[in-house]
């Protein structure tokens, strides 16, 4: 199972989810240089432990376990992974 941040986060970027993540897998944070230019927050799938703490914390209901992700937002699975492909 993977956790995915989807469309409701676009242009919102509320960081409540970042504060509750025990493994620091949600980026960019407000302290990172690309926070201002990113359109949303992303979850690094290979670092996420699927604890789901972020799901309940998100005020705009943008975070879903992959199996609960609405079909119209399926492209956000790859978008979350792609964000981290060129990051170190």
Protein backbone atom coordinates (compact mmCIF):
# COMPACT_ATOMS: atom_id res chain seq x y z
CA UNK A 1 0.00 0.00 0.00
CA UNK A 2 1.16 3.53 -0.75
CA UNK A 3 -0.09 6.86 0.51
CA UNK A 4 -0.76 9.50 -2.15
CA UNK A 5 -1.26 13.27 -2.05
CA UNK A 6 -3.79 14.27 -4.71
CA UNK A 7 -5.47 17.25 -6.36
CA UNK A 8 -6.96 19.01 -3.31
CA UNK A 9 -3.39 19.86 -2.24
CA UNK A 10 -2.65 21.73 -5.47
CA UNK A 11 -1.99 25.40 -4.64
CA UNK A 12 -2.97 24.72 -1.00
CA UNK A 13 0.18 23.08 0.38
CA UNK A 14 -1.03 22.97 3.97
CA UNK A 15 1.85 21.46 5.94
CA UNK A 16 -0.10 19.94 8.83
CA UNK A 17 0.73 16.53 7.35
CA UNK A 18 4.47 17.26 7.49
CA UNK A 19 4.31 17.83 11.24
CA UNK A 20 2.80 14.39 11.98
CA UNK A 21 4.93 12.30 9.61
CA UNK A 22 7.24 10.11 11.73
CA UNK A 23 9.64 9.40 8.84
CA UNK A 24 9.85 12.85 7.20
CA UNK A 25 8.70 11.64 3.77
CA UNK A 26 6.44 14.59 2.81
CA UNK A 27 8.13 17.33 0.80
CA UNK A 28 8.80 20.08 0.07
CA UNK A 29 8.61 21.50 3.56
CA UNK A 30 8.33 25.24 4.17
CA UNK A 31 12.09 25.31 4.87
CA UNK A 32 13.05 23.79 1.51
CA UNK A 33 13.95 26.06 -1.42
CA UNK A 34 11.41 24.59 -3.84
CA UNK A 35 8.42 25.04 -1.51
CA UNK A 36 7.44 28.34 -3.16
CA UNK A 37 7.51 26.91 -6.68
CA UNK A 38 6.02 23.47 -6.01
CA UNK A 39 2.35 23.19 -6.87
CA UNK A 40 1.64 20.72 -4.06
CA UNK A 41 3.26 18.52 -1.43
CA UNK A 42 4.41 14.99 -2.29
CA UNK A 43 4.96 11.74 -0.40
CA UNK A 44 8.13 9.78 -1.14
CA UNK A 45 6.67 6.30 -1.68
CA UNK A 46 9.77 4.26 -0.84
CA UNK A 47 10.26 6.11 2.46
CA UNK A 48 6.61 6.17 3.61
CA UNK A 49 5.75 3.56 6.24
CA UNK A 50 2.01 3.84 5.52
CA UNK A 51 1.10 4.80 9.07
CA UNK A 52 -1.73 7.00 7.70
CA UNK A 53 -1.22 9.73 10.32
CA UNK A 54 -1.11 12.29 7.51
CA UNK A 55 -4.44 11.13 6.06
CA UNK A 56 -6.43 12.29 9.07
CA UNK A 57 -4.35 15.42 9.58
CA UNK A 58 -4.87 16.93 6.11
CA UNK A 59 -7.43 19.76 6.40
CA UNK A 60 -8.30 19.64 2.68
CA UNK A 61 -8.68 15.83 2.49
CA UNK A 62 -5.96 15.50 -0.17
CA UNK A 63 -4.19 12.40 1.19
CA UNK A 64 -5.34 8.86 0.49
CA UNK A 65 -4.17 5.29 0.86
CA UNK A 66 -3.66 4.21 -2.75
CA UNK A 67 -6.58 1.78 -2.67
CA UNK A 68 -8.91 4.62 -1.59
CA UNK A 69 -7.65 7.16 -4.13
CA UNK A 70 -10.51 8.36 -6.35
CA UNK A 71 -9.99 7.02 -9.90
CA UNK A 72 -9.91 10.50 -11.41
CA UNK A 73 -6.76 11.21 -9.40
CA UNK A 74 -4.84 8.02 -10.31
CA UNK A 75 -2.18 10.10 -12.10
CA UNK A 76 -1.10 11.47 -8.70
CA UNK A 77 0.45 8.09 -7.84
CA UNK A 78 3.15 8.64 -10.47
CA UNK A 79 3.32 12.38 -9.78
CA UNK A 80 4.30 11.72 -6.15
CA UNK A 81 7.02 9.25 -7.19
CA UNK A 82 8.25 11.45 -10.05
CA UNK A 83 8.84 14.44 -7.76
CA UNK A 84 11.60 12.49 -5.98
CA UNK A 85 13.30 10.91 -9.01
CA UNK A 86 15.87 13.70 -9.42
CA UNK A 87 16.18 14.54 -5.71
CA UNK A 88 18.99 13.27 -3.52
